Amino acid sequence: MKVSKSEEGMTLLQFLSKHYPDLSKRKLKEGIDEGTCLVNNRILRKGSAPLFSGDQVTFNIAKHQDVAFDSGRVLFDSVDFLAYNKPAGLVCSLENFPADLRLIHRLDRMTTGVLLLAKNSLFFERMIALFKLRQVKKTYLAVVDGIMSEEAGMIENRLAKIGERGGRPIWGSSPDGEMAITEWEVVSHGNAATLVRCFPITGRTHQLRVHLSELGHPILGDRHYGDRFHCQAKISSMLLHARKIAFEEFDIQAPIPDEFRQQLEQLRLSTHPL
């Protein structure tokens, strides 16, 4: 969108509010804070910044529109639970799912992949117990910035809330935090990026995002934990996908989203074996 003469002097937030009246100011602010708004091809994170006639503004509206539950994305359905292929943009809150389903765990808004929902209290409590006993095995795919020098490793530290950014909490290493453990392995190297497979042993808030960022390789598209990226490719969404969940006799996989695959191809990252 090009700023007209009559729009000169508007702040970035005012301009976006005018052009996207269906999005709340909160969502627009989130988009600005997350670095999804470009002015003259540069990320601008300041909603109060004034605009000038001729400025070119780009905003990824699809990333911030509300996403509804879609029964066509169900991966597995039984009398006790449902496995859902969560799309990017769907918030894991009760109001976004049918009333008879209960979230067993959560995925961040822009994370895609397998999400489990219980249909009864008995199964819900059983799953909570399995998570506590670390008997639920989760596998994620993440595309991270830069070329990782090691082929595999384990991150073990304590995570706690250490600040805020744009009104949203930032988590990081802290001696007062809760134990967080992630195992990881490289799948392939590409153009200034690495595809890794992650196995979170614990399930702390933003665990994978923080751990990979603290390794010096933030997830591409994750502007909350990565300010500067060596990879200069245009990334349309955070490249983190919950690929698989295994527990008891169940082993459930979510297909890799088309958008994720397209980014892999762009970055020349091999998807074999996945």
Protein backbone atom coordinates (compact mmCIF):
# COMPACT_ATOMS: atom_id res chain seq x y z
CA MET A 1 0.00 0.00 0.00
CA LYS A 2 1.25 3.45 -0.87
CA VAL A 3 0.78 6.38 1.51
CA SER A 4 -1.18 9.13 -0.22
CA LYS A 5 -0.69 12.87 0.24
CA SER A 6 -3.82 13.04 2.39
CA GLU A 7 -2.43 10.27 4.65
CA GLU A 8 0.92 11.95 5.20
CA GLY A 9 1.51 12.56 8.92
CA MET A 10 -0.53 9.56 10.03
CA THR A 11 1.20 7.21 12.42
CA LEU A 12 1.81 3.67 11.24
CA LEU A 13 -0.90 2.37 13.57
CA GLN A 14 -3.42 4.94 12.32
CA PHE A 15 -2.63 4.05 8.72
CA LEU A 16 -3.07 0.32 9.33
CA SER A 17 -6.30 0.92 11.27
CA LYS A 18 -7.68 2.82 8.29
CA HIS A 19 -6.77 0.13 5.77
CA TYR A 20 -7.63 -2.88 7.94
CA PRO A 21 -10.81 -1.83 9.81
CA ASP A 22 -11.71 -5.45 10.60
CA LEU A 23 -8.55 -5.94 12.68
CA SER A 24 -8.45 -4.63 16.25
CA LYS A 25 -5.73 -2.21 17.31
CA ARG A 26 -4.41 -4.95 19.59
CA LYS A 27 -3.87 -7.28 16.65
CA LEU A 28 -2.31 -4.51 14.59
CA LYS A 29 0.06 -3.67 17.45
CA GLU A 30 0.98 -7.36 17.74
CA GLY A 31 1.78 -7.42 14.04
CA ILE A 32 3.99 -4.36 14.35
CA ASP A 33 5.75 -5.76 17.43
CA GLU A 34 6.35 -9.09 15.67
CA GLY A 35 8.09 -7.36 12.78
CA THR A 36 5.51 -8.27 10.13
CA CYS A 37 5.08 -4.68 8.95
CA LEU A 38 7.49 -3.22 6.41
CA VAL A 39 7.83 0.44 5.43
CA ASN A 40 9.90 0.92 2.29
CA ASN A 41 11.05 -2.72 2.63
CA ARG A 42 12.37 -2.16 6.16
CA ILE A 43 10.82 -3.65 9.29
CA LEU A 44 9.23 -0.93 11.43
CA ARG A 45 8.25 -1.87 14.98
CA LYS A 46 7.06 1.55 16.15
CA GLY A 47 3.32 2.10 15.77
CA SER A 48 3.67 5.81 16.57
CA ALA A 49 6.16 6.41 13.74
CA PRO A 50 4.89 9.04 11.25
CA LEU A 51 4.45 8.17 7.59
CA PHE A 52 5.24 10.30 4.57
CA SER A 53 3.61 10.61 1.17
CA GLY A 54 4.94 7.91 -1.15
CA ASP A 55 5.95 5.50 1.63
CA GLN A 56 5.27 1.88 0.71
CA VAL A 57 3.67 -0.11 3.55
CA THR A 58 3.46 -3.90 3.55
CA PHE A 59 1.52 -5.78 6.22
CA ASN A 60 1.01 -9.55 6.37
CA ILE A 61 -2.71 -9.49 7.16
CA ALA A 62 -3.20 -13.26 6.78
CA LYS A 63 -0.90 -13.83 9.74
CA HIS A 64 -3.12 -11.81 12.07
CA GLN A 65 -6.64 -12.66 11.00
CA ASP A 66 -8.64 -14.92 13.29
CA VAL A 67 -8.51 -18.58 12.31
CA ALA A 68 -11.48 -20.81 13.12
CA PHE A 69 -11.67 -24.52 13.99
CA ASP A 70 -12.02 -26.63 10.83
CA SER A 71 -13.28 -30.21 11.17
CA GLY A 72 -11.52 -31.02 7.90
CA ARG A 73 -8.16 -30.72 9.69
CA VAL A 74 -8.87 -33.56 12.14
CA LEU A 75 -6.03 -36.11 12.02
CA PHE A 76 -7.50 -38.75 14.33
CA ASP A 77 -10.84 -39.09 16.09
CA SER A 78 -11.75 -41.57 18.83
CA VAL A 79 -14.21 -41.84 21.68
CA ASP A 80 -11.63 -40.33 24.06
CA PHE A 81 -9.72 -37.72 22.12
CA LEU A 82 -9.21 -35.86 18.90
CA ALA A 83 -5.91 -35.04 17.20
CA TYR A 84 -6.03 -31.80 15.23
CA ASN A 85 -3.71 -30.40 12.58
CA LYS A 86 -3.39 -26.86 13.92
CA PRO A 87 -2.80 -24.13 11.32
CA ALA A 88 -0.72 -21.00 11.88
CA GLY A 89 -2.79 -18.22 13.43
CA LEU A 90 -5.12 -20.37 15.52
CA VAL A 91 -4.92 -19.40 19.20
CA CYS A 92 -5.09 -22.31 21.64
CA SER A 93 -7.92 -21.01 23.83
CA LEU A 94 -11.20 -22.67 24.79
CA GLU A 95 -13.40 -20.35 22.75
CA ASN A 96 -11.68 -21.42 19.52
CA PHE A 97 -12.66 -25.09 19.81
CA PRO A 98 -15.95 -26.99 20.14
CA ALA A 99 -17.35 -26.90 23.67
CA ASP A 100 -17.05 -30.67 24.15
CA LEU A 101 -13.27 -30.62 23.60
CA ARG A 102 -10.62 -29.80 26.19
CA LEU A 103 -7.07 -28.75 25.37
CA ILE A 104 -4.56 -31.26 26.72
CA HIS A 105 -1.58 -29.08 25.77
CA ARG A 106 -0.99 -25.95 23.69
CA LEU A 107 0.95 -24.74 20.68
CA ASP A 108 1.99 -21.13 20.14
CA ARG A 109 -0.25 -19.15 17.80
CA MET A 110 2.06 -19.35 14.78
CA THR A 111 3.20 -22.94 15.42
CA THR A 112 1.57 -25.58 13.23
CA GLY A 113 1.03 -29.30 13.74
CA VAL A 114 -0.40 -31.96 16.03
CA LEU A 115 -2.61 -30.77 18.86
CA LEU A 116 -4.43 -33.13 21.24
CA LEU A 117 -7.88 -32.42 22.69
CA ALA A 118 -9.70 -34.62 25.21
CA LYS A 119 -13.36 -35.59 24.97
CA ASN A 120 -13.74 -36.59 28.62
CA SER A 121 -12.17 -35.86 32.01
CA LEU A 122 -10.84 -39.38 32.48
CA PHE A 123 -8.71 -39.24 29.33
CA PHE A 124 -7.65 -35.67 30.10
CA GLU A 125 -6.32 -36.65 33.53
CA ARG A 126 -4.62 -39.71 32.06
CA MET A 127 -2.79 -37.58 29.51
CA ILE A 128 -1.72 -35.01 32.09
CA ALA A 129 -0.20 -37.86 34.09
CA LEU A 130 1.63 -39.19 31.01
CA PHE A 131 3.04 -35.72 30.28
CA LYS A 132 4.29 -35.43 33.88
CA LEU A 133 5.95 -38.84 33.59
CA ARG A 134 7.52 -37.75 30.28
CA GLN A 135 5.82 -40.62 28.47
CA VAL A 136 4.51 -38.43 25.65
CA LYS A 137 7.13 -38.12 22.91
CA LYS A 138 6.91 -34.99 20.75
CA THR A 139 8.85 -34.25 17.58
CA TYR A 140 9.11 -30.79 16.03
CA LEU A 141 10.65 -29.46 12.84
CA ALA A 142 12.25 -26.03 12.97
CA VAL A 143 14.13 -23.98 10.40
CA VAL A 144 16.70 -21.88 12.21
CA ASP A 145 18.90 -18.99 11.20
CA GLY A 146 22.48 -19.75 10.17
CA ILE A 147 24.44 -22.96 9.70
CA MET A 148 24.68 -25.01 12.88
CA SER A 149 28.22 -26.27 13.44
CA GLU A 150 27.22 -29.38 15.39
CA GLU A 151 25.00 -32.19 14.13
CA ALA A 152 23.15 -32.91 17.38
CA GLY A 153 22.97 -31.85 20.99
CA MET A 154 20.97 -31.37 24.16
CA ILE A 155 20.02 -28.12 25.87
CA GLU A 156 19.30 -28.27 29.60
CA ASN A 157 18.68 -25.16 31.68
CA ARG A 158 16.03 -23.34 33.70
CA LEU A 159 13.52 -21.03 32.03
CA ALA A 160 11.47 -18.23 33.53
CA LYS A 161 9.80 -15.01 32.44
CA ILE A 162 12.58 -12.43 32.17
CA GLY A 163 10.78 -9.45 30.63
CA GLU A 164 8.21 -8.25 28.13
CA ARG A 165 8.15 -7.13 24.52
CA GLY A 166 5.15 -5.43 23.01
CA GLY A 167 3.10 -6.41 26.05
CA ARG A 168 3.96 -10.08 25.63
CA PRO A 169 6.25 -12.07 27.97
CA ILE A 170 9.80 -12.98 27.08
CA TRP A 171 11.18 -16.20 28.54
CA GLY A 172 14.84 -16.98 29.05
CA SER A 173 17.48 -18.66 31.17
CA SER A 174 17.11 -17.97 34.89
CA PRO A 175 18.37 -19.78 38.01
CA ASP A 176 14.86 -19.31 39.44
CA GLY A 177 13.13 -20.92 36.48
CA GLU A 178 11.78 -24.40 35.83
CA MET A 179 13.93 -27.13 34.33
CA ALA A 180 13.74 -27.26 30.53
CA ILE A 181 15.34 -29.96 28.37
CA THR A 182 15.47 -30.21 24.58
CA GLU A 183 17.29 -32.72 22.40
CA TRP A 184 17.90 -31.79 18.77
CA GLU A 185 19.52 -33.06 15.58
CA VAL A 186 20.28 -31.53 12.20
CA VAL A 187 18.28 -32.77 9.23
CA SER A 188 19.92 -30.63 6.54
CA HIS A 189 21.85 -27.43 5.86
CA GLY A 190 20.78 -24.89 3.27
CA ASN A 191 21.26 -21.27 2.27
CA ALA A 192 22.15 -19.56 5.56
CA ALA A 193 19.64 -21.78 7.38
CA THR A 194 19.43 -25.20 9.03
CA LEU A 195 16.52 -27.61 9.31
CA VAL A 196 16.52 -29.29 12.71
CA ARG A 197 14.42 -31.96 14.37
CA CYS A 198 13.68 -31.16 18.02
CA PHE A 199 12.58 -33.46 20.83
CA PRO A 200 11.36 -31.46 23.85
CA ILE A 201 11.66 -33.59 26.99
CA THR A 202 9.86 -30.95 29.04
CA GLY A 203 7.13 -28.57 27.91
CA ARG A 204 7.92 -25.08 29.17
CA THR A 205 6.45 -21.93 27.64
CA HIS A 206 8.27 -21.00 24.39
CA GLN A 207 10.85 -23.70 25.21
CA LEU A 208 12.02 -24.54 21.69
CA ARG A 209 11.97 -20.91 20.59
CA VAL A 210 14.10 -19.83 23.56
CA HIS A 211 16.51 -22.77 23.45
CA LEU A 212 17.27 -22.37 19.75
CA SER A 213 17.62 -18.61 20.10
CA GLU A 214 20.02 -19.02 23.02
CA LEU A 215 22.10 -21.37 20.84
CA GLY A 216 22.50 -18.42 18.49
CA HIS A 217 20.12 -19.87 15.91
CA PRO A 218 16.64 -18.37 16.35
CA ILE A 219 13.76 -19.89 14.41
CA LEU A 220 13.23 -18.07 11.13
CA GLY A 221 10.13 -15.89 11.28
CA ASP A 222 10.25 -15.66 15.09
CA ARG A 223 10.69 -11.92 15.60
CA HIS A 224 9.94 -12.24 19.31
CA TYR A 225 13.20 -14.08 20.00
CA GLY A 226 15.24 -13.05 16.96
CA ASP A 227 16.07 -9.45 16.07
CA ARG A 228 18.73 -9.96 13.46
CA PHE A 229 18.95 -12.85 11.03
CA HIS A 230 21.87 -13.85 8.81
CA CYS A 231 19.40 -15.44 6.41
CA GLN A 232 17.99 -12.74 4.16
CA ALA A 233 15.18 -14.80 2.63
CA LYS A 234 11.65 -13.44 3.00
CA ILE A 235 9.93 -15.59 5.60
CA SER A 236 6.16 -15.37 5.70
CA SER A 237 5.57 -17.17 9.01
CA MET A 238 7.43 -18.72 11.94
CA LEU A 239 8.93 -22.01 10.73
CA LEU A 240 8.09 -24.31 13.65
CA HIS A 241 5.96 -27.40 13.07
CA ALA A 242 4.78 -30.01 15.62
CA ARG A 243 5.40 -33.01 13.37
CA LYS A 244 4.52 -35.95 15.63
CA ILE A 245 3.15 -37.02 19.01
CA ALA A 246 3.57 -40.59 20.28
CA PHE A 247 2.08 -42.09 23.46
CA GLU A 248 0.90 -45.55 24.50
CA GLU A 249 -0.15 -47.30 21.25
CA PHE A 250 -0.67 -44.04 19.33
CA ASP A 251 1.76 -42.42 16.89
CA ILE A 252 0.15 -39.40 15.20
CA GLN A 253 1.77 -37.23 12.54
CA ALA A 254 0.77 -33.93 10.99
CA PRO A 255 1.70 -33.35 7.34
CA ILE A 256 4.20 -30.60 6.67
CA PRO A 257 2.24 -27.47 5.60
CA ASP A 258 2.58 -26.39 1.98
CA GLU A 259 3.90 -22.99 3.03
CA PHE A 260 6.56 -24.68 5.21
CA ARG A 261 7.64 -26.91 2.29
CA GLN A 262 7.82 -23.92 -0.03
CA GLN A 263 10.14 -22.16 2.40
CA LEU A 264 12.31 -25.30 2.62
CA GLU A 265 12.64 -25.34 -1.15
CA GLN A 266 13.47 -21.64 -1.24
CA LEU A 267 16.20 -22.17 1.35
CA ARG A 268 17.48 -25.30 -0.42
CA LEU A 269 16.84 -27.50 2.60
CA SER A 270 16.41 -31.20 2.00
CA THR A 271 13.33 -32.81 3.53
CA HIS A 272 14.77 -36.32 3.53
CA PRO A 273 14.32 -38.12 5.78
CA LEU A 274 11.31 -36.59 7.50
